[in-house]
Amino acid sequence: MARSTSVHGDQSRLAYLLLAPSLVLLVLVVGIPLGVSVWQSLHTTSGGVDPETGFIQQGTQFVGLDNYLAIFSDPASSDAFWNAFSNTTLFTVVGVTLETVIGVVMALIMAQALRGQGLLRASILVPWAIPTIVSALVWRVIFLADGIFNEIIGTKILWATEGWQAQAAVIIADVWKTAPYIGLLTLAGLLTIDNQVYEAAKVDGSSRWSTFWRITLPLVRPVLVVAVLFRLLDAMRMFDLPYALLGRLESGQTLATLAQFEASQTNYGPAATYSLVLMAYIGLVAFLFVRFLGADVIGDDDRLSRKEKRAAAQAAKAKAAEPATGTVVEAGQR
């Protein structure tokens, strides 16, 4: 037992030693910028033009939690923040939901034995491979008043103006670009399912709908959960698409674009505050998602199986010891 503990301790020390370079790099890349952001969120920037040199002079003043409290107390900051917060949530919920549904349908189609399926799967990559800025500029032309989109649907909607149409434009462009991402990851999960499972379901008289809900979806769930989680995290920090598509429109303002706007006005305190609030929001959503929908992502099932195996082994040992104990008792009685 002591030897086993010693070996386990040596392995743990070796693991930490091997992880040390990565941890140091992580602190440099993530920890330092995060610390600077926290420091900036507790300060405010003030400055003006030096009459002697003509250069802009800036100074900082410690304000504590005033930048955070301004989200709730200052009307201008509060309106801007909650508008960006609601837009971020809207784009995330509606966009990722549509991307998931469309992506799963695309994966089911691509999983079929069709002629030219290699070309089909390669072409699906095109929207996702195009840089976001490029696709946003293309969609900006498509959404013109006399553009292709209005010609197709037979209307004259001004998509690049304040209102629901601007939000719809962002969602449409985002779904077009990133639905193939979920589709390709889901396809990878579908291709790992043994055809014998479907053949057995067909023999049992299972319908296509029942087969999808009871066999396909549960088996592809681990891959789908990871894909949706990554898309959630990416959508919540959306910046380049609404910025290039709509510019400074309030209807397309997200927390990321709001933070960038404040920083461009040298308001580094509010900008850092919005960035940290966004980080906390993303962390909370990721935690809740993994906690309630994606236990497989963090390996809870593996830990559970190890506990079950350990309990089964202990029960087997106890069961094996019962006859020997009974024999000793019987011998003592004799």
Protein backbone atom coordinates (compact mmCIF):
# COMPACT_ATOMS: atom_id res chain seq x y z
CA MET A 1 0.00 0.00 0.00
CA ALA A 2 2.83 2.39 0.91
CA ARG A 3 4.64 1.51 -2.30
CA SER A 4 1.50 2.19 -4.34
CA THR A 5 1.12 5.59 -2.67
CA SER A 6 4.77 6.42 -3.39
CA VAL A 7 4.42 5.48 -7.05
CA HIS A 8 1.27 7.58 -7.34
CA GLY A 9 3.06 10.56 -5.76
CA ASP A 10 5.99 10.23 -8.17
CA GLN A 11 3.59 10.15 -11.12
CA SER A 12 1.79 13.26 -9.86
CA ARG A 13 5.06 15.17 -9.46
CA LEU A 14 6.14 14.12 -12.96
CA ALA A 15 2.79 15.24 -14.36
CA TYR A 16 3.11 18.68 -12.73
CA LEU A 17 6.69 18.96 -13.97
CA LEU A 18 5.63 18.23 -17.54
CA LEU A 19 2.76 20.71 -17.27
CA ALA A 20 4.94 23.49 -15.81
CA PRO A 21 6.06 25.03 -19.15
CA SER A 22 2.47 25.16 -20.41
CA LEU A 23 1.26 26.66 -17.13
CA VAL A 24 3.95 29.35 -17.24
CA LEU A 25 3.02 30.18 -20.84
CA LEU A 26 -0.66 30.26 -19.87
CA VAL A 27 0.06 32.74 -17.08
CA LEU A 28 2.02 34.98 -19.45
CA VAL A 29 -0.57 34.87 -22.25
CA VAL A 30 -3.77 34.89 -20.17
CA GLY A 31 -2.94 35.87 -16.60
CA ILE A 32 -1.09 39.12 -17.28
CA PRO A 33 -3.65 40.59 -19.74
CA LEU A 34 -6.44 39.54 -17.39
CA GLY A 35 -4.72 41.26 -14.49
CA VAL A 36 -4.24 44.43 -16.53
CA SER A 37 -7.94 44.37 -17.49
CA VAL A 38 -8.97 44.05 -13.86
CA TRP A 39 -6.69 46.97 -12.95
CA GLN A 40 -8.11 49.12 -15.75
CA SER A 41 -11.69 48.34 -14.74
CA LEU A 42 -10.97 49.83 -11.31
CA HIS A 43 -9.63 53.07 -12.78
CA THR A 44 -10.85 55.83 -15.05
CA THR A 45 -8.89 57.66 -17.71
CA SER A 46 -8.72 61.43 -17.81
CA GLY A 47 -6.68 63.67 -20.02
CA GLY A 48 -6.50 66.58 -22.40
CA VAL A 49 -4.24 68.46 -24.78
CA ASP A 50 -1.02 69.88 -23.35
CA PRO A 51 -0.98 73.57 -24.40
CA GLU A 52 2.82 73.62 -24.55
CA THR A 53 3.48 70.48 -26.60
CA GLY A 54 0.11 69.91 -28.27
CA PHE A 55 0.20 66.24 -27.33
CA ILE A 56 -2.62 64.44 -25.58
CA GLN A 57 -1.88 63.73 -21.94
CA GLN A 58 -3.68 60.97 -20.10
CA GLY A 59 -3.90 60.14 -16.44
CA THR A 60 -5.62 57.45 -14.43
CA GLN A 61 -7.63 57.71 -11.26
CA PHE A 62 -8.72 54.89 -8.97
CA VAL A 63 -12.52 54.69 -8.82
CA GLY A 64 -13.03 51.25 -7.31
CA LEU A 65 -16.24 49.59 -8.47
CA ASP A 66 -17.72 52.75 -10.00
CA ASN A 67 -17.35 51.41 -13.54
CA TYR A 68 -19.32 48.31 -12.58
CA LEU A 69 -21.96 50.27 -10.68
CA ALA A 70 -22.39 52.61 -13.66
CA ILE A 71 -23.97 49.70 -15.53
CA PHE A 72 -26.94 49.98 -13.17
CA SER A 73 -26.84 53.64 -12.04
CA ASP A 74 -25.68 55.76 -14.98
CA PRO A 75 -28.49 56.05 -17.59
CA ALA A 76 -26.19 56.32 -20.62
CA SER A 77 -23.91 53.45 -19.59
CA SER A 78 -26.85 51.33 -18.46
CA ASP A 79 -28.77 51.74 -21.73
CA ALA A 80 -25.71 50.95 -23.83
CA PHE A 81 -24.77 47.92 -21.76
CA TRP A 82 -28.22 46.31 -21.59
CA ASN A 83 -28.79 46.91 -25.30
CA ALA A 84 -25.51 45.16 -26.10
CA PHE A 85 -26.25 42.41 -23.56
CA SER A 86 -29.69 41.69 -25.06
CA ASN A 87 -28.29 41.68 -28.61
CA THR A 88 -25.51 39.31 -27.59
CA THR A 89 -28.01 36.95 -25.99
CA LEU A 90 -30.38 37.16 -28.97
CA PHE A 91 -27.67 36.44 -31.53
CA THR A 92 -26.39 33.54 -29.43
CA VAL A 93 -29.70 31.83 -28.66
CA VAL A 94 -31.39 32.24 -32.04
CA GLY A 95 -28.26 31.85 -34.13
CA VAL A 96 -26.88 28.75 -32.41
CA THR A 97 -30.33 27.11 -32.34
CA LEU A 98 -30.78 27.58 -36.09
CA GLU A 99 -27.20 26.50 -36.77
CA THR A 100 -27.69 23.32 -34.75
CA VAL A 101 -30.91 22.34 -36.51
CA ILE A 102 -29.58 23.14 -39.99
CA GLY A 103 -26.21 21.55 -39.21
CA VAL A 104 -27.79 18.28 -38.08
CA VAL A 105 -29.97 18.18 -41.22
CA MET A 106 -26.90 18.82 -43.37
CA ALA A 107 -25.01 16.03 -41.59
CA LEU A 108 -27.86 13.57 -42.10
CA ILE A 109 -27.92 14.37 -45.82
CA MET A 110 -24.14 14.13 -46.22
CA ALA A 111 -24.08 10.80 -44.34
CA GLN A 112 -26.17 9.17 -47.07
CA ALA A 113 -24.46 7.18 -49.82
CA LEU A 114 -24.93 9.75 -52.58
CA ARG A 115 -23.09 10.23 -55.84
CA GLY A 116 -20.56 13.02 -55.57
CA GLN A 117 -20.68 13.05 -51.78
CA GLY A 118 -16.99 13.95 -51.63
CA LEU A 119 -17.61 17.11 -53.65
CA LEU A 120 -20.69 17.86 -51.54
CA ARG A 121 -18.76 17.61 -48.27
CA ALA A 122 -15.94 19.76 -49.63
CA SER A 123 -18.34 22.45 -50.88
CA ILE A 124 -19.97 22.65 -47.45
CA LEU A 125 -16.64 23.94 -46.12
CA VAL A 126 -16.67 27.04 -48.35
CA PRO A 127 -18.86 29.35 -46.20
CA TRP A 128 -17.02 28.37 -43.03
CA ALA A 129 -13.58 28.77 -44.65
CA ILE A 130 -14.26 32.31 -45.89
CA PRO A 131 -12.92 34.93 -43.44
CA THR A 132 -15.69 36.54 -41.42
CA ILE A 133 -14.85 40.06 -42.58
CA VAL A 134 -15.06 38.99 -46.22
CA SER A 135 -18.39 37.21 -45.75
CA ALA A 136 -19.76 40.21 -43.82
CA LEU A 137 -18.87 42.59 -46.65
CA VAL A 138 -20.45 40.22 -49.19
CA TRP A 139 -23.64 40.05 -47.14
CA ARG A 140 -23.58 43.83 -46.81
CA VAL A 141 -23.93 44.05 -50.58
CA ILE A 142 -26.58 41.31 -50.62
CA PHE A 143 -28.64 43.20 -48.03
CA LEU A 144 -28.71 46.48 -49.97
CA ALA A 145 -32.16 47.94 -50.62
CA ASP A 146 -31.90 46.89 -54.28
CA GLY A 147 -29.75 43.86 -53.47
CA ILE A 148 -30.13 40.18 -54.24
CA PHE A 149 -31.87 39.26 -50.99
CA ASN A 150 -34.71 41.73 -51.46
CA GLU A 151 -35.10 40.60 -55.06
CA ILE A 152 -35.45 36.98 -53.94
CA ILE A 153 -38.07 37.64 -51.26
CA GLY A 154 -39.78 40.38 -53.28
CA THR A 155 -39.53 43.24 -50.76
CA LYS A 156 -37.58 46.45 -50.20
CA ILE A 157 -36.45 46.00 -46.60
CA LEU A 158 -33.67 48.33 -45.42
CA TRP A 159 -31.59 45.70 -43.64
CA ALA A 160 -28.77 48.05 -42.60
CA THR A 161 -31.01 50.35 -40.53
CA GLU A 162 -32.02 50.33 -36.87
CA GLY A 163 -34.59 47.73 -35.90
CA TRP A 164 -35.35 44.03 -36.08
CA GLN A 165 -34.16 43.84 -39.69
CA ALA A 166 -30.57 44.63 -38.67
CA GLN A 167 -30.65 41.89 -36.04
CA ALA A 168 -32.13 39.46 -38.57
CA ALA A 169 -29.35 40.33 -41.02
CA VAL A 170 -26.67 39.44 -38.46
CA ILE A 171 -28.38 36.14 -37.62
CA ILE A 172 -28.84 35.16 -41.28
CA ALA A 173 -25.20 35.91 -42.14
CA ASP A 174 -23.95 34.10 -39.04
CA VAL A 175 -26.08 31.00 -39.66
CA TRP A 176 -24.96 30.84 -43.29
CA LYS A 177 -21.31 30.92 -42.26
CA THR A 178 -21.21 28.63 -39.23
CA ALA A 179 -23.97 26.04 -39.73
CA PRO A 180 -21.51 23.96 -41.85
CA TYR A 181 -19.18 23.83 -38.83
CA ILE A 182 -21.78 22.02 -36.73
CA GLY A 183 -22.77 19.95 -39.76
CA LEU A 184 -19.24 18.65 -40.33
CA LEU A 185 -18.65 17.79 -36.66
CA THR A 186 -22.02 16.04 -36.48
CA LEU A 187 -21.17 14.15 -39.67
CA ALA A 188 -17.98 12.89 -38.04
CA GLY A 189 -20.09 11.50 -35.19
CA LEU A 190 -22.61 9.92 -37.56
CA LEU A 191 -19.90 8.07 -39.48
CA THR A 192 -18.78 6.31 -36.29
CA ILE A 193 -22.19 4.64 -35.78
CA ASP A 194 -22.19 1.00 -36.86
CA ASN A 195 -24.69 0.19 -39.62
CA GLN A 196 -25.65 -2.97 -37.74
CA VAL A 197 -27.41 -0.76 -35.19
CA TYR A 198 -29.68 0.65 -37.90
CA GLU A 199 -30.23 -2.81 -39.39
CA ALA A 200 -31.33 -4.15 -36.01
CA ALA A 201 -33.70 -1.20 -35.57
CA LYS A 202 -35.15 -1.81 -39.03
CA VAL A 203 -35.73 -5.48 -38.21
CA ASP A 204 -37.56 -4.43 -35.04
CA GLY A 205 -39.87 -2.26 -37.14
CA SER A 206 -38.56 1.12 -35.97
CA SER A 207 -39.63 4.11 -38.07
CA ARG A 208 -37.14 6.66 -39.37
CA TRP A 209 -38.31 9.26 -36.86
CA SER A 210 -38.07 6.80 -33.97
CA THR A 211 -34.65 5.63 -35.16
CA PHE A 212 -33.40 9.22 -35.24
CA TRP A 213 -34.64 10.10 -31.73
CA ARG A 214 -33.80 6.81 -30.02
CA ILE A 215 -30.60 5.75 -31.81
CA THR A 216 -28.97 8.42 -33.98
CA LEU A 217 -29.35 11.43 -31.68
CA PRO A 218 -28.21 9.68 -28.45
CA LEU A 219 -25.17 8.16 -30.18
CA VAL A 220 -24.13 11.43 -31.82
CA ARG A 221 -24.90 13.50 -28.71
CA PRO A 222 -21.30 13.70 -27.32
CA VAL A 223 -20.00 15.18 -30.59
CA LEU A 224 -23.00 17.47 -30.98
CA VAL A 225 -22.64 18.79 -27.42
CA VAL A 226 -19.02 19.76 -28.05
CA ALA A 227 -19.90 21.46 -31.35
CA VAL A 228 -22.75 23.45 -29.79
CA LEU A 229 -20.61 24.43 -26.80
CA PHE A 230 -17.85 25.79 -29.03
CA ARG A 231 -20.41 27.70 -31.10
CA LEU A 232 -21.98 29.16 -27.95
CA LEU A 233 -18.64 30.48 -26.75
CA ASP A 234 -17.82 31.86 -30.19
CA ALA A 235 -21.22 33.51 -30.71
CA MET A 236 -21.20 35.23 -27.33
CA ARG A 237 -17.99 37.08 -28.17
CA MET A 238 -19.15 38.00 -31.68
CA PHE A 239 -17.45 41.16 -32.92
CA ASP A 240 -16.28 41.15 -36.53
CA LEU A 241 -19.54 40.12 -38.23
CA PRO A 242 -21.89 42.80 -36.79
CA TYR A 243 -19.13 45.42 -36.88
CA ALA A 244 -18.38 44.90 -40.59
CA LEU A 245 -22.01 44.31 -41.56
CA LEU A 246 -23.77 47.10 -39.64
CA GLY A 247 -21.08 49.41 -38.32
CA ARG A 248 -22.14 51.37 -35.20
CA LEU A 249 -25.86 50.56 -35.32
CA GLU A 250 -27.29 50.02 -31.85
CA SER A 251 -29.40 47.13 -33.17
CA GLY A 252 -26.20 45.24 -33.97
CA GLN A 253 -24.19 46.30 -30.92
CA THR A 254 -22.77 43.40 -28.91
CA LEU A 255 -20.77 43.43 -25.70
CA ALA A 256 -17.58 42.90 -27.71
CA THR A 257 -18.28 45.80 -30.09
CA LEU A 258 -19.33 48.01 -27.17
CA ALA A 259 -16.04 47.32 -25.39
CA GLN A 260 -14.12 48.12 -28.57
CA PHE A 261 -16.04 51.37 -29.04
CA GLU A 262 -15.29 52.52 -25.49
CA ALA A 263 -11.61 51.66 -25.93
CA SER A 264 -11.48 53.63 -29.20
CA GLN A 265 -12.75 56.64 -27.22
CA THR A 266 -9.90 56.10 -24.68
CA ASN A 267 -12.46 55.06 -22.05
CA TYR A 268 -10.35 52.12 -20.99
CA GLY A 269 -12.05 51.69 -17.63
CA PRO A 270 -15.56 51.04 -19.02
CA ALA A 271 -14.08 49.02 -21.90
CA ALA A 272 -12.26 46.71 -19.50
CA THR A 273 -15.40 46.47 -17.36
CA TYR A 274 -17.56 45.37 -20.30
CA SER A 275 -14.90 42.85 -21.34
CA LEU A 276 -14.73 41.31 -17.86
CA VAL A 277 -18.52 41.16 -17.60
CA LEU A 278 -18.60 39.41 -20.97
CA MET A 279 -15.96 36.94 -19.77
CA ALA A 280 -18.00 36.20 -16.64
CA TYR A 281 -21.15 35.80 -18.74
CA ILE A 282 -19.43 33.34 -21.07
CA GLY A 283 -18.01 31.40 -18.12
CA LEU A 284 -21.42 31.15 -16.47
CA VAL A 285 -23.12 29.94 -19.65
CA ALA A 286 -20.36 27.40 -20.31
CA PHE A 287 -20.58 26.08 -16.74
CA LEU A 288 -24.36 25.71 -16.87
CA PHE A 289 -24.21 24.10 -20.31
CA VAL A 290 -21.63 21.52 -19.27
CA ARG A 291 -23.32 20.97 -15.91
CA PHE A 292 -26.76 20.18 -17.29
CA LEU A 293 -26.20 19.05 -20.88
CA GLY A 294 -22.60 18.03 -21.39
CA ALA A 295 -21.26 15.89 -18.56
CA ASP A 296 -19.35 13.81 -21.13
CA VAL A 297 -17.26 16.87 -22.08
CA ILE A 298 -15.46 16.96 -18.72
CA GLY A 299 -15.24 13.20 -18.25
CA ASP A 300 -17.81 12.75 -15.49
CA ASP A 301 -18.95 9.49 -17.06
CA ASP A 302 -15.41 8.11 -16.95
CA ARG A 303 -15.02 9.02 -13.29
CA LEU A 304 -18.39 7.46 -12.56
CA SER A 305 -17.45 4.26 -14.33
CA ARG A 306 -14.20 4.05 -12.36
CA LYS A 307 -16.12 4.46 -9.10
CA GLU A 308 -18.56 1.77 -10.17
CA LYS A 309 -15.72 -0.59 -11.08
CA ARG A 310 -14.03 0.06 -7.73
CA ALA A 311 -17.27 -0.60 -5.87
CA ALA A 312 -17.83 -3.79 -7.85
CA ALA A 313 -14.30 -4.99 -7.07
CA GLN A 314 -14.79 -4.34 -3.35
CA ALA A 315 -18.11 -6.19 -3.42
CA ALA A 316 -16.47 -9.14 -5.16
CA LYS A 317 -13.74 -9.28 -2.54
CA ALA A 318 -16.32 -9.20 0.24
CA LYS A 319 -18.30 -11.94 -1.47
CA ALA A 320 -15.19 -14.08 -1.87
CA ALA A 321 -14.36 -13.69 1.82
CA GLU A 322 -17.79 -14.86 2.99
CA PRO A 323 -17.27 -18.65 2.50
CA ALA A 324 -13.91 -18.59 4.22
CA THR A 325 -15.39 -16.68 7.17
CA GLY A 326 -18.28 -19.13 7.38
CA THR A 327 -15.91 -22.11 7.39
CA VAL A 328 -13.89 -20.64 10.24
CA VAL A 329 -17.05 -20.03 12.27
CA GLU A 330 -18.30 -23.55 11.64
CA ALA A 331 -14.93 -25.03 12.66
CA GLY A 332 -14.99 -23.02 15.88
CA GLN A 333 -18.49 -24.27 16.69
CA ARG A 334 -17.39 -27.86 16.23
